[in-house]
Amino acid sequence: METIYIPRILSKSEQTEVINFDEFIPDLASLTPVRGRLQVTHQGTYLEVKAKAETIVTLTCHRCLKQYNHRLVLNSSELIWLDKTADRLETNPIEMKVDFEDLAETLSPTGSFSPSDWLYEQMCLAEPHKQICDAKCVGIIVNDDDANTESSETISDSRWASLAALKQQLP
Protein backbone atom coordinates (compact mmCIF):
# COMPACT_ATOMS: atom_id res chain seq x y z
CA MET A 1 0.00 0.00 0.00
CA GLU A 2 1.22 3.43 -0.85
CA THR A 3 1.78 6.11 1.74
CA ILE A 4 -0.97 8.74 1.72
CA TYR A 5 0.00 12.42 1.63
CA ILE A 6 -2.40 13.95 4.18
CA PRO A 7 -3.22 17.23 2.32
CA ARG A 8 -4.18 15.17 -0.75
CA ILE A 9 -7.11 13.65 1.20
CA LEU A 10 -8.72 17.12 1.32
CA SER A 11 -9.11 17.07 -2.48
CA LYS A 12 -10.95 13.72 -2.49
CA SER A 13 -14.74 13.49 -2.51
CA GLU A 14 -16.07 13.76 1.04
CA GLN A 15 -12.40 14.18 2.06
CA THR A 16 -12.11 10.39 2.24
CA GLU A 17 -9.54 7.99 0.83
CA VAL A 18 -10.72 4.37 0.50
CA ILE A 19 -8.27 1.54 -0.11
CA ASN A 20 -9.32 -2.03 -0.92
CA PHE A 21 -6.40 -4.39 -0.45
CA ASP A 22 -5.47 -8.03 -0.86
CA GLU A 23 -1.76 -8.26 -0.14
CA PHE A 24 0.86 -9.43 2.31
CA ILE A 25 1.93 -6.86 4.89
CA PRO A 26 5.68 -6.65 5.52
CA ASP A 27 6.74 -8.06 8.92
CA LEU A 28 3.33 -9.70 9.51
CA ALA A 29 3.86 -13.46 9.31
CA SER A 30 0.58 -14.50 7.73
CA LEU A 31 -0.27 -17.56 5.65
CA THR A 32 -2.72 -15.70 3.42
CA PRO A 33 -2.72 -12.15 2.12
CA VAL A 34 -4.46 -9.59 4.30
CA ARG A 35 -7.80 -8.83 2.64
CA GLY A 36 -9.99 -5.91 3.50
CA ARG A 37 -10.88 -2.26 3.25
CA LEU A 38 -9.30 0.82 4.83
CA GLN A 39 -10.96 4.23 4.96
CA VAL A 40 -9.15 7.44 5.92
CA THR A 41 -11.31 10.55 6.41
CA HIS A 42 -9.84 14.00 6.97
CA GLN A 43 -11.93 15.72 9.65
CA GLY A 44 -10.02 19.01 9.79
CA THR A 45 -8.06 18.58 13.03
CA TYR A 46 -7.83 14.79 12.94
CA LEU A 47 -7.88 11.75 10.68
CA GLU A 48 -10.53 9.12 11.23
CA VAL A 49 -9.15 5.74 10.18
CA LYS A 50 -11.40 2.67 9.89
CA ALA A 51 -10.45 -0.78 8.71
CA LYS A 52 -11.99 -4.20 8.26
CA ALA A 53 -9.55 -6.94 7.36
CA GLU A 54 -8.78 -10.60 7.83
CA THR A 55 -5.99 -13.08 7.33
CA ILE A 56 -4.75 -16.40 8.69
CA VAL A 57 -1.70 -16.46 10.97
CA THR A 58 0.22 -19.27 12.62
CA LEU A 59 0.36 -18.96 16.40
CA THR A 60 2.10 -21.03 19.08
CA CYS A 61 -0.05 -22.43 21.88
CA HIS A 62 0.96 -21.05 25.27
CA ARG A 63 0.13 -24.38 26.96
CA CYS A 64 1.56 -27.10 24.75
CA LEU A 65 3.79 -25.06 22.40
CA LYS A 66 2.12 -26.63 19.35
CA GLN A 67 1.66 -24.37 16.35
CA TYR A 68 -1.85 -23.83 15.00
CA ASN A 69 -3.58 -21.64 12.43
CA HIS A 70 -5.84 -18.82 13.58
CA ARG A 71 -8.16 -16.59 11.55
CA LEU A 72 -7.32 -13.02 12.53
CA VAL A 73 -10.25 -10.66 12.00
CA LEU A 74 -9.85 -6.91 12.37
CA ASN A 75 -12.63 -4.36 12.76
CA SER A 76 -10.87 -1.28 14.05
CA SER A 77 -11.08 2.49 14.07
CA GLU A 78 -8.80 5.20 15.42
CA LEU A 79 -8.61 8.97 15.58
CA ILE A 80 -5.19 10.38 14.71
CA TRP A 81 -4.78 14.00 15.71
CA LEU A 82 -3.13 16.43 13.30
CA ASP A 83 -0.59 18.59 15.10
CA LYS A 84 1.94 20.95 13.48
CA THR A 85 4.52 20.07 16.15
CA ALA A 86 4.24 16.30 15.56
CA ASP A 87 7.35 16.12 13.34
CA ARG A 88 9.62 18.09 15.64
CA LEU A 89 12.38 16.15 17.27
CA GLU A 90 12.56 17.10 20.90
CA THR A 91 15.21 16.10 23.38
CA ASN A 92 13.19 14.94 26.35
CA PRO A 93 14.56 13.67 29.64
CA ILE A 94 14.72 9.90 30.16
CA GLU A 95 11.73 10.08 32.47
CA MET A 96 8.97 12.61 32.19
CA LYS A 97 5.40 12.98 33.32
CA VAL A 98 2.85 12.68 30.53
CA ASP A 99 -0.79 13.66 30.94
CA PHE A 100 -3.47 11.19 29.89
CA GLU A 101 -4.66 13.63 27.22
CA ASP A 102 -1.22 13.49 25.58
CA LEU A 103 -1.43 9.73 25.02
CA ALA A 104 -2.71 10.05 21.49
CA GLU A 105 -1.35 9.33 18.05
CA THR A 106 -0.40 12.52 16.22
CA LEU A 107 0.75 13.31 12.69
CA SER A 108 1.75 16.52 10.98
CA PRO A 109 -1.08 18.01 8.86
CA THR A 110 1.42 18.33 6.00
CA GLY A 111 2.91 14.88 6.55
CA SER A 112 2.07 11.38 5.41
CA PHE A 113 0.06 8.46 6.71
CA SER A 114 1.30 4.91 6.13
CA PRO A 115 -1.67 2.55 5.83
CA SER A 116 0.47 -0.60 5.84
CA ASP A 117 2.25 0.41 9.08
CA TRP A 118 -1.07 1.29 10.74
CA LEU A 119 -2.64 -1.96 9.55
CA TYR A 120 0.37 -3.98 10.80
CA GLU A 121 0.06 -2.41 14.26
CA GLN A 122 -3.69 -3.07 14.40
CA MET A 123 -3.28 -6.70 13.28
CA CYS A 124 -0.67 -7.28 15.99
CA LEU A 125 -3.03 -5.80 18.58
CA ALA A 126 -5.83 -8.06 17.30
CA GLU A 127 -3.88 -11.25 18.04
CA PRO A 128 -5.38 -13.11 21.01
CA HIS A 129 -3.66 -12.56 24.35
CA LYS A 130 -4.17 -16.18 25.38
CA GLN A 131 -3.02 -18.28 22.48
CA ILE A 132 -4.59 -21.68 23.15
CA CYS A 133 -4.78 -24.24 20.32
CA ASP A 134 -7.87 -25.99 21.69
CA ALA A 135 -10.22 -25.47 24.63
CA LYS A 136 -9.31 -28.98 25.84
CA CYS A 137 -5.54 -28.46 25.54
CA VAL A 138 -3.87 -29.94 28.63
CA GLY A 139 -0.44 -28.50 28.01
CA ILE A 140 2.92 -30.24 27.88
CA ILE A 141 2.72 -33.78 29.22
CA VAL A 142 5.69 -34.56 31.46
CA ASN A 143 6.41 -38.22 32.14
CA ASP A 144 8.01 -38.44 35.62
CA ASP A 145 6.66 -41.95 36.40
CA ASP A 146 9.97 -43.76 36.29
CA ALA A 147 13.24 -42.14 37.37
CA ASN A 148 15.22 -44.59 35.21
CA THR A 149 13.29 -43.72 32.04
CA GLU A 150 15.00 -41.23 29.79
CA SER A 151 12.86 -38.26 28.79
CA SER A 152 12.12 -37.54 25.16
CA GLU A 153 14.44 -34.54 25.50
CA THR A 154 17.38 -36.84 26.37
CA ILE A 155 16.66 -39.13 23.49
CA SER A 156 16.36 -36.38 20.89
CA ASP A 157 19.33 -34.30 22.10
CA SER A 158 22.62 -36.07 22.78
CA ARG A 159 23.96 -33.09 24.72
CA TRP A 160 21.87 -34.23 27.72
CA ALA A 161 23.56 -37.67 27.84
CA SER A 162 26.15 -36.63 30.47
CA LEU A 163 23.43 -35.25 32.74
CA ALA A 164 21.34 -38.42 32.31
CA ALA A 165 24.35 -40.56 33.27
CA LEU A 166 24.98 -38.41 36.36
CA LYS A 167 21.29 -38.61 37.28
CA GLN A 168 21.39 -42.41 37.25
CA GLN A 169 24.39 -42.43 39.64
CA LEU A 170 22.43 -40.59 42.30
CA PRO A 171 20.58 -42.68 44.90
C-alpha atoms as a PDB file:
ATOM      1  CA  MET A   1       0.000   0.000   0.000  1.00  0.00           C
ATOM      2  CA  GLU A   2       1.224   3.429  -0.851  1.00  0.00           C
ATOM      3  CA  THR A   3       1.784   6.114   1.737  1.00  0.00           C
ATOM      4  CA  ILE A   4      -0.966   8.744   1.724  1.00  0.00           C
ATOM      5  CA  TYR A   5       0.000  12.418   1.629  1.00  0.00           C
ATOM      6  CA  ILE A   6      -2.405  13.948   4.181  1.00  0.00           C
ATOM      7  CA  PRO A   7      -3.216  17.235   2.321  1.00  0.00           C
ATOM      8  CA  ARG A   8      -4.181  15.171  -0.750  1.00  0.00           C
ATOM      9  CA  ILE A   9      -7.106  13.649   1.205  1.00  0.00           C
ATOM     10  CA  LEU A  10      -8.720  17.120   1.321  1.00  0.00           C
ATOM     11  CA  SER A  11      -9.108  17.073  -2.484  1.00  0.00           C
ATOM     12  CA  LYS A  12     -10.955  13.723  -2.485  1.00  0.00           C
ATOM     13  CA  SER A  13     -14.737  13.495  -2.509  1.00  0.00           C
ATOM     14  CA  GLU A  14     -16.072  13.760   1.036  1.00  0.00           C
ATOM     15  CA  GLN A  15     -12.405  14.179   2.063  1.00  0.00           C
ATOM     16  CA  THR A  16     -12.109  10.386   2.241  1.00  0.00           C
ATOM     17  CA  GLU A  17      -9.539   7.991   0.828  1.00  0.00           C
ATOM     18  CA  VAL A  18     -10.719   4.375   0.499  1.00  0.00           C
ATOM     19  CA  ILE A  19      -8.266   1.538  -0.112  1.00  0.00           C
ATOM     20  CA  ASN A  20      -9.319  -2.029  -0.922  1.00  0.00           C
ATOM     21  CA  PHE A  21      -6.402  -4.388  -0.450  1.00  0.00           C
ATOM     22  CA  ASP A  22      -5.472  -8.028  -0.864  1.00  0.00           C
ATOM     23  CA  GLU A  23      -1.757  -8.265  -0.141  1.00  0.00           C
ATOM     24  CA  PHE A  24       0.856  -9.426   2.310  1.00  0.00           C
ATOM     25  CA  ILE A  25       1.926  -6.858   4.889  1.00  0.00           C
ATOM     26  CA  PRO A  26       5.684  -6.645   5.520  1.00  0.00           C
ATOM     27  CA  ASP A  27       6.743  -8.062   8.919  1.00  0.00           C
ATOM     28  CA  LEU A  28       3.334  -9.701   9.507  1.00  0.00           C
ATOM     29  CA  ALA A  29       3.860 -13.462   9.314  1.00  0.00           C
ATOM     30  CA  SER A  30       0.583 -14.505   7.725  1.00  0.00           C
ATOM     31  CA  LEU A  31      -0.272 -17.561   5.653  1.00  0.00           C
ATOM     32  CA  THR A  32      -2.721 -15.705   3.420  1.00  0.00           C
ATOM     33  CA  PRO A  33      -2.717 -12.154   2.118  1.00  0.00           C
ATOM     34  CA  VAL A  34      -4.465  -9.592   4.300  1.00  0.00           C
ATOM     35  CA  ARG A  35      -7.801  -8.833   2.643  1.00  0.00           C
ATOM     36  CA  GLY A  36      -9.993  -5.906   3.496  1.00  0.00           C
ATOM     37  CA  ARG A  37     -10.879  -2.258   3.253  1.00  0.00           C
ATOM     38  CA  LEU A  38      -9.299   0.822   4.830  1.00  0.00           C
ATOM     39  CA  GLN A  39     -10.956   4.230   4.957  1.00  0.00           C
ATOM     40  CA  VAL A  40      -9.146   7.443   5.925  1.00  0.00           C
ATOM     41  CA  THR A  41     -11.313  10.549   6.410  1.00  0.00           C
ATOM     42  CA  HIS A  42      -9.835  14.005   6.969  1.00  0.00           C
ATOM     43  CA  GLN A  43     -11.933  15.717   9.651  1.00  0.00           C
ATOM     44  CA  GLY A  44     -10.023  19.012   9.791  1.00  0.00           C
ATOM     45  CA  THR A  45      -8.063  18.575  13.030  1.00  0.00           C
ATOM     46  CA  TYR A  46      -7.833  14.789  12.944  1.00  0.00           C
ATOM     47  CA  LEU A  47      -7.882  11.747  10.683  1.00  0.00           C
ATOM     48  CA  GLU A  48     -10.532   9.119  11.226  1.00  0.00           C
ATOM     49  CA  VAL A  49      -9.149   5.742  10.184  1.00  0.00           C
ATOM     50  CA  LYS A  50     -11.396   2.675   9.887  1.00  0.00           C
ATOM     51  CA  ALA A  51     -10.455  -0.784   8.714  1.00  0.00           C
ATOM     52  CA  LYS A  52     -11.994  -4.201   8.256  1.00  0.00           C
ATOM     53  CA  ALA A  53      -9.549  -6.938   7.356  1.00  0.00           C
ATOM     54  CA  GLU A  54      -8.779 -10.600   7.831  1.00  0.00           C
ATOM     55  CA  THR A  55      -5.987 -13.078   7.332  1.00  0.00           C
ATOM     56  CA  ILE A  56      -4.746 -16.403   8.693  1.00  0.00           C
ATOM     57  CA  VAL A  57      -1.701 -16.463  10.965  1.00  0.00           C
ATOM     58  CA  THR A  58       0.224 -19.272  12.620  1.00  0.00           C
ATOM     59  CA  LEU A  59       0.364 -18.961  16.405  1.00  0.00           C
ATOM     60  CA  THR A  60       2.101 -21.025  19.080  1.00  0.00           C
ATOM     61  CA  CYS A  61      -0.053 -22.431  21.876  1.00  0.00           C
ATOM     62  CA  HIS A  62       0.961 -21.051  25.268  1.00  0.00           C
ATOM     63  CA  ARG A  63       0.130 -24.377  26.962  1.00  0.00           C
ATOM     64  CA  CYS A  64       1.558 -27.103  24.753  1.00  0.00           C
ATOM     65  CA  LEU A  65       3.791 -25.058  22.403  1.00  0.00           C
ATOM     66  CA  LYS A  66       2.123 -26.628  19.352  1.00  0.00           C
ATOM     67  CA  GLN A  67       1.656 -24.366  16.346  1.00  0.00           C
ATOM     68  CA  TYR A  68      -1.854 -23.832  15.004  1.00  0.00           C
ATOM     69  CA  ASN A  69      -3.577 -21.642  12.428  1.00  0.00           C
ATOM     70  CA  HIS A  70      -5.839 -18.815  13.577  1.00  0.00           C
ATOM     71  CA  ARG A  71      -8.162 -16.589  11.550  1.00  0.00           C
ATOM     72  CA  LEU A  72      -7.318 -13.023  12.526  1.00  0.00           C
ATOM     73  CA  VAL A  73     -10.247 -10.658  12.002  1.00  0.00           C
ATOM     74  CA  LEU A  74      -9.846  -6.909  12.369  1.00  0.00           C
ATOM     75  CA  ASN A  75     -12.630  -4.364  12.765  1.00  0.00           C
ATOM     76  CA  SER A  76     -10.874  -1.285  14.054  1.00  0.00           C
ATOM     77  CA  SER A  77     -11.076   2.493  14.068  1.00  0.00           C
ATOM     78  CA  GLU A  78      -8.800   5.198  15.424  1.00  0.00           C
ATOM     79  CA  LEU A  79      -8.611   8.969  15.578  1.00  0.00           C
ATOM     80  CA  ILE A  80      -5.192  10.375  14.708  1.00  0.00           C
ATOM     81  CA  TRP A  81      -4.780  14.000  15.706  1.00  0.00           C
ATOM     82  CA  LEU A  82      -3.134  16.429  13.302  1.00  0.00           C
ATOM     83  CA  ASP A  83      -0.589  18.589  15.099  1.00  0.00           C
ATOM     84  CA  LYS A  84       1.938  20.948  13.482  1.00  0.00           C
ATOM     85  CA  THR A  85       4.517  20.069  16.145  1.00  0.00           C
ATOM     86  CA  ALA A  86       4.237  16.298  15.562  1.00  0.00           C
ATOM     87  CA  ASP A  87       7.346  16.120  13.339  1.00  0.00           C
ATOM     88  CA  ARG A  88       9.619  18.093  15.645  1.00  0.00           C
ATOM     89  CA  LEU A  89      12.382  16.148  17.270  1.00  0.00           C
ATOM     90  CA  GLU A  90      12.562  17.096  20.896  1.00  0.00           C
ATOM     91  CA  THR A  91      15.209  16.101  23.383  1.00  0.00           C
ATOM     92  CA  ASN A  92      13.189  14.939  26.348  1.00  0.00           C
ATOM     93  CA  PRO A  93      14.561  13.666  29.636  1.00  0.00           C
ATOM     94  CA  ILE A  94      14.720   9.901  30.156  1.00  0.00           C
ATOM     95  CA  GLU A  95      11.728  10.079  32.475  1.00  0.00           C
ATOM     96  CA  MET A  96       8.972  12.615  32.191  1.00  0.00           C
ATOM     97  CA  LYS A  97       5.400  12.976  33.322  1.00  0.00           C
ATOM     98  CA  VAL A  98       2.848  12.679  30.525  1.00  0.00           C
ATOM     99  CA  ASP A  99      -0.786  13.665  30.939  1.00  0.00           C
ATOM    100  CA  PHE A 100      -3.470  11.193  29.894  1.00  0.00           C
ATOM    101  CA  GLU A 101      -4.655  13.631  27.217  1.00  0.00           C
ATOM    102  CA  ASP A 102      -1.218  13.487  25.584  1.00  0.00           C
ATOM    103  CA  LEU A 103      -1.430   9.729  25.021  1.00  0.00           C
ATOM    104  CA  ALA A 104      -2.711  10.050  21.493  1.00  0.00           C
ATOM    105  CA  GLU A 105      -1.346   9.334  18.047  1.00  0.00           C
ATOM    106  CA  THR A 106      -0.402  12.515  16.220  1.00  0.00           C
ATOM    107  CA  LEU A 107       0.753  13.308  12.689  1.00  0.00           C
ATOM    108  CA  SER A 108       1.747  16.517  10.981  1.00  0.00           C
ATOM    109  CA  PRO A 109      -1.080  18.009   8.862  1.00  0.00           C
ATOM    110  CA  THR A 110       1.416  18.332   6.002  1.00  0.00           C
ATOM    111  CA  GLY A 111       2.908  14.885   6.550  1.00  0.00           C
ATOM    112  CA  SER A 112       2.070  11.384   5.408  1.00  0.00           C
ATOM    113  CA  PHE A 113       0.062   8.456   6.706  1.00  0.00           C
ATOM    114  CA  SER A 114       1.301   4.909   6.134  1.00  0.00           C
ATOM    115  CA  PRO A 115      -1.674   2.546   5.828  1.00  0.00           C
ATOM    116  CA  SER A 116       0.473  -0.600   5.840  1.00  0.00           C
ATOM    117  CA  ASP A 117       2.245   0.409   9.082  1.00  0.00           C
ATOM    118  CA  TRP A 118      -1.070   1.286  10.742  1.00  0.00           C
ATOM    119  CA  LEU A 119      -2.637  -1.964   9.553  1.00  0.00           C
ATOM    120  CA  TYR A 120       0.368  -3.981  10.796  1.00  0.00           C
ATOM    121  CA  GLU A 121       0.062  -2.412  14.259  1.00  0.00           C
ATOM    122  CA  GLN A 122      -3.692  -3.066  14.396  1.00  0.00           C
ATOM    123  CA  MET A 123      -3.284  -6.700  13.281  1.00  0.00           C
ATOM    124  CA  CYS A 124      -0.665  -7.275  15.988  1.00  0.00           C
ATOM    125  CA  LEU A 125      -3.034  -5.804  18.580  1.00  0.00           C
ATOM    126  CA  ALA A 126      -5.830  -8.063  17.298  1.00  0.00           C
ATOM    127  CA  GLU A 127      -3.884 -11.252  18.042  1.00  0.00           C
ATOM    128  CA  PRO A 128      -5.376 -13.112  21.011  1.00  0.00           C
ATOM    129  CA  HIS A 129      -3.659 -12.562  24.354  1.00  0.00           C
ATOM    130  CA  LYS A 130      -4.165 -16.185  25.376  1.00  0.00           C
ATOM    131  CA  GLN A 131      -3.015 -18.280  22.480  1.00  0.00           C
ATOM    132  CA  ILE A 132      -4.588 -21.679  23.148  1.00  0.00           C
ATOM    133  CA  CYS A 133      -4.781 -24.239  20.320  1.00  0.00           C
ATOM    134  CA  ASP A 134      -7.875 -25.986  21.694  1.00  0.00           C
ATOM    135  CA  ALA A 135     -10.223 -25.475  24.631  1.00  0.00           C
ATOM    136  CA  LYS A 136      -9.306 -28.977  25.835  1.00  0.00           C
ATOM    137  CA  CYS A 137      -5.541 -28.460  25.540  1.00  0.00           C
ATOM    138  CA  VAL A 138      -3.874 -29.939  28.635  1.00  0.00           C
ATOM    139  CA  GLY A 139      -0.440 -28.498  28.007  1.00  0.00           C
ATOM    140  CA  ILE A 140       2.922 -30.244  27.884  1.00  0.00           C
ATOM    141  CA  ILE A 141       2.720 -33.782  29.217  1.00  0.00           C
ATOM    142  CA  VAL A 142       5.686 -34.555  31.457  1.00  0.00           C
ATOM    143  CA  ASN A 143       6.412 -38.215  32.145  1.00  0.00           C
ATOM    144  CA  ASP A 144       8.010 -38.445  35.617  1.00  0.00           C
ATOM    145  CA  ASP A 145       6.658 -41.945  36.397  1.00  0.00           C
ATOM    146  CA  ASP A 146       9.969 -43.759  36.289  1.00  0.00           C
ATOM    147  CA  ALA A 147      13.239 -42.142  37.366  1.00  0.00           C
ATOM    148  CA  ASN A 148      15.224 -44.591  35.208  1.00  0.00           C
ATOM    149  CA  THR A 149      13.293 -43.724  32.042  1.00  0.00           C
ATOM    150  CA  GLU A 150      15.002 -41.230  29.788  1.00  0.00           C
ATOM    151  CA  SER A 151      12.861 -38.259  28.791  1.00  0.00           C
ATOM    152  CA  SER A 152      12.124 -37.535  25.156  1.00  0.00           C
ATOM    153  CA  GLU A 153      14.444 -34.539  25.503  1.00  0.00           C
ATOM    154  CA  THR A 154      17.381 -36.837  26.375  1.00  0.00           C
ATOM    155  CA  ILE A 155      16.658 -39.133  23.486  1.00  0.00           C
ATOM    156  CA  SER A 156      16.363 -36.376  20.895  1.00  0.00           C
ATOM    157  CA  ASP A 157      19.333 -34.298  22.100  1.00  0.00           C
ATOM    158  CA  SER A 158      22.617 -36.075  22.783  1.00  0.00           C
ATOM    159  CA  ARG A 159      23.960 -33.088  24.724  1.00  0.00           C
ATOM    160  CA  TRP A 160      21.872 -34.230  27.720  1.00  0.00           C
ATOM    161  CA  ALA A 161      23.561 -37.674  27.837  1.00  0.00           C
ATOM    162  CA  SER A 162      26.146 -36.630  30.473  1.00  0.00           C
ATOM    163  CA  LEU A 163      23.427 -35.250  32.742  1.00  0.00           C
ATOM    164  CA  ALA A 164      21.336 -38.415  32.306  1.00  0.00           C
ATOM    165  CA  ALA A 165      24.350 -40.557  33.266  1.00  0.00           C
ATOM    166  CA  LEU A 166      24.984 -38.411  36.359  1.00  0.00           C
ATOM    167  CA  LYS A 167      21.292 -38.607  37.280  1.00  0.00           C
ATOM    168  CA  GLN A 168      21.393 -42.413  37.253  1.00  0.00           C
ATOM    169  CA  GLN A 169      24.391 -42.432  39.645  1.00  0.00           C
ATOM    170  CA  LEU A 170      22.425 -40.586  42.299  1.00  0.00           C
ATOM    171  CA  PRO A 171      20.577 -42.678  44.901  1.00  0.00           C
END
